[in-house]
Amino acid sequence: MSSSTISMFYLLFLFGIFYFLLIRPQQQRTKRHRELVLGLRDGDKVVTVGGIYGTIKQVTDDTISLEIADKVIVVFSKASVARRL
């Protein structure tokens, strides 16, 4: 094998490592978050990326109204929801 062939295999190997350790996991996280955001419904208990716990009172195209205490409703971007409880 020539040195250029070995170099090519080495570069392909490095790309494979980067793909499976960096690129693919990020794509999976993005897909799971997109599915979470699309599945938000009234009454769901959620946590925002800022750590605020609350119950969804209203869902619109881009925003959610989140009740964080009795009669305290705050409007957030849908993308700011970190997880559903």
C-alpha atoms as a PDB file:
ATOM      1  CA  MET A   1       0.000   0.000   0.000  1.00  0.00           C
ATOM      2  CA  SER A   2       1.217   3.435  -0.819  1.00  0.00           C
ATOM      3  CA  SER A   3       1.443   6.235   1.701  1.00  0.00           C
ATOM      4  CA  SER A   4      -1.389   8.138  -0.001  1.00  0.00           C
ATOM      5  CA  THR A   5      -3.722   5.138   0.440  1.00  0.00           C
ATOM      6  CA  ILE A   6      -2.814   4.861   4.111  1.00  0.00           C
ATOM      7  CA  SER A   7      -3.439   8.597   4.531  1.00  0.00           C
ATOM      8  CA  MET A   8      -6.843   8.238   2.872  1.00  0.00           C
ATOM      9  CA  PHE A   9      -7.825   5.384   5.234  1.00  0.00           C
ATOM     10  CA  TYR A  10      -6.605   7.420   8.208  1.00  0.00           C
ATOM     11  CA  LEU A  11      -8.736  10.412   7.174  1.00  0.00           C
ATOM     12  CA  LEU A  12     -11.809   8.197   6.636  1.00  0.00           C
ATOM     13  CA  PHE A  13     -11.229   6.610  10.041  1.00  0.00           C
ATOM     14  CA  LEU A  14     -11.031  10.061  11.700  1.00  0.00           C
ATOM     15  CA  PHE A  15     -14.197  11.179   9.920  1.00  0.00           C
ATOM     16  CA  GLY A  16     -15.976   8.034  11.161  1.00  0.00           C
ATOM     17  CA  ILE A  17     -14.886   8.760  14.723  1.00  0.00           C
ATOM     18  CA  PHE A  18     -16.097  12.368  14.487  1.00  0.00           C
ATOM     19  CA  TYR A  19     -19.392  11.259  12.992  1.00  0.00           C
ATOM     20  CA  PHE A  20     -20.220   8.677  15.656  1.00  0.00           C
ATOM     21  CA  LEU A  21     -18.922  10.692  18.612  1.00  0.00           C
ATOM     22  CA  LEU A  22     -20.004  14.237  17.695  1.00  0.00           C
ATOM     23  CA  ILE A  23     -22.318  14.615  14.728  1.00  0.00           C
ATOM     24  CA  ARG A  24     -24.756  11.706  15.166  1.00  0.00           C
ATOM     25  CA  PRO A  25     -25.488  12.276  18.895  1.00  0.00           C
ATOM     26  CA  GLN A  26     -26.184  15.965  18.231  1.00  0.00           C
ATOM     27  CA  GLN A  27     -28.594  15.074  15.418  1.00  0.00           C
ATOM     28  CA  GLN A  28     -30.409  12.652  17.740  1.00  0.00           C
ATOM     29  CA  ARG A  29     -30.707  15.292  20.512  1.00  0.00           C
ATOM     30  CA  THR A  30     -32.056  17.815  17.995  1.00  0.00           C
ATOM     31  CA  LYS A  31     -34.622  15.300  16.720  1.00  0.00           C
ATOM     32  CA  ARG A  32     -35.796  14.431  20.260  1.00  0.00           C
ATOM     33  CA  HIS A  33     -36.145  18.136  21.166  1.00  0.00           C
ATOM     34  CA  ARG A  34     -38.094  18.856  17.960  1.00  0.00           C
ATOM     35  CA  GLU A  35     -40.479  15.979  18.766  1.00  0.00           C
ATOM     36  CA  LEU A  36     -40.856  17.279  22.337  1.00  0.00           C
ATOM     37  CA  VAL A  37     -41.712  20.792  21.131  1.00  0.00           C
ATOM     38  CA  LEU A  38     -44.204  19.531  18.547  1.00  0.00           C
ATOM     39  CA  GLY A  39     -45.886  17.317  21.166  1.00  0.00           C
ATOM     40  CA  LEU A  40     -46.538  20.021  23.779  1.00  0.00           C
ATOM     41  CA  ARG A  41     -50.179  20.163  24.919  1.00  0.00           C
ATOM     42  CA  ASP A  42     -52.231  22.144  27.440  1.00  0.00           C
ATOM     43  CA  GLY A  43     -51.821  20.702  30.938  1.00  0.00           C
ATOM     44  CA  ASP A  44     -48.321  19.274  30.395  1.00  0.00           C
ATOM     45  CA  LYS A  45     -45.885  19.905  33.236  1.00  0.00           C
ATOM     46  CA  VAL A  46     -42.546  21.098  31.867  1.00  0.00           C
ATOM     47  CA  VAL A  47     -39.170  22.561  32.813  1.00  0.00           C
ATOM     48  CA  THR A  48     -37.643  25.391  30.788  1.00  0.00           C
ATOM     49  CA  VAL A  49     -33.962  25.698  29.928  1.00  0.00           C
ATOM     50  CA  GLY A  50     -33.807  28.386  32.631  1.00  0.00           C
ATOM     51  CA  GLY A  51     -34.969  25.885  35.259  1.00  0.00           C
ATOM     52  CA  ILE A  52     -38.522  27.201  35.673  1.00  0.00           C
ATOM     53  CA  TYR A  53     -41.116  24.525  36.458  1.00  0.00           C
ATOM     54  CA  GLY A  54     -44.704  25.051  35.398  1.00  0.00           C
ATOM     55  CA  THR A  55     -47.870  23.802  33.761  1.00  0.00           C
ATOM     56  CA  ILE A  56     -48.749  24.724  30.189  1.00  0.00           C
ATOM     57  CA  LYS A  57     -51.994  26.699  29.989  1.00  0.00           C
ATOM     58  CA  GLN A  58     -51.971  27.607  26.289  1.00  0.00           C
ATOM     59  CA  VAL A  59     -49.970  26.538  23.237  1.00  0.00           C
ATOM     60  CA  THR A  60     -49.674  28.675  20.089  1.00  0.00           C
ATOM     61  CA  ASP A  61     -47.507  28.269  16.994  1.00  0.00           C
ATOM     62  CA  ASP A  62     -44.350  29.761  18.533  1.00  0.00           C
ATOM     63  CA  THR A  63     -45.095  30.259  22.232  1.00  0.00           C
ATOM     64  CA  ILE A  64     -46.509  28.609  25.327  1.00  0.00           C
ATOM     65  CA  SER A  65     -48.212  30.219  28.311  1.00  0.00           C
ATOM     66  CA  LEU A  66     -46.771  28.635  31.427  1.00  0.00           C
ATOM     67  CA  GLU A  67     -48.400  28.862  34.856  1.00  0.00           C
ATOM     68  CA  ILE A  68     -45.532  28.956  37.348  1.00  0.00           C
ATOM     69  CA  ALA A  69     -47.638  29.755  40.452  1.00  0.00           C
ATOM     70  CA  ASP A  70     -51.322  30.351  41.219  1.00  0.00           C
ATOM     71  CA  LYS A  71     -52.545  32.907  38.665  1.00  0.00           C
ATOM     72  CA  VAL A  72     -48.981  33.720  37.553  1.00  0.00           C
ATOM     73  CA  ILE A  73     -48.692  33.048  33.820  1.00  0.00           C
ATOM     74  CA  VAL A  74     -45.525  33.694  31.828  1.00  0.00           C
ATOM     75  CA  VAL A  75     -45.125  33.430  28.049  1.00  0.00           C
ATOM     76  CA  PHE A  76     -42.133  31.465  26.726  1.00  0.00           C
ATOM     77  CA  SER A  77     -40.829  30.407  23.360  1.00  0.00           C
ATOM     78  CA  LYS A  78     -41.599  26.759  22.641  1.00  0.00           C
ATOM     79  CA  ALA A  79     -37.895  26.152  22.037  1.00  0.00           C
ATOM     80  CA  SER A  80     -37.135  27.110  25.650  1.00  0.00           C
ATOM     81  CA  VAL A  81     -38.774  23.921  26.980  1.00  0.00           C
ATOM     82  CA  ALA A  82     -36.057  21.551  28.151  1.00  0.00           C
ATOM     83  CA  ARG A  83     -38.151  18.545  29.157  1.00  0.00           C
ATOM     84  CA  ARG A  84     -41.612  17.294  30.018  1.00  0.00           C
ATOM     85  CA  LEU A  85     -42.219  15.971  33.518  1.00  0.00           C
END
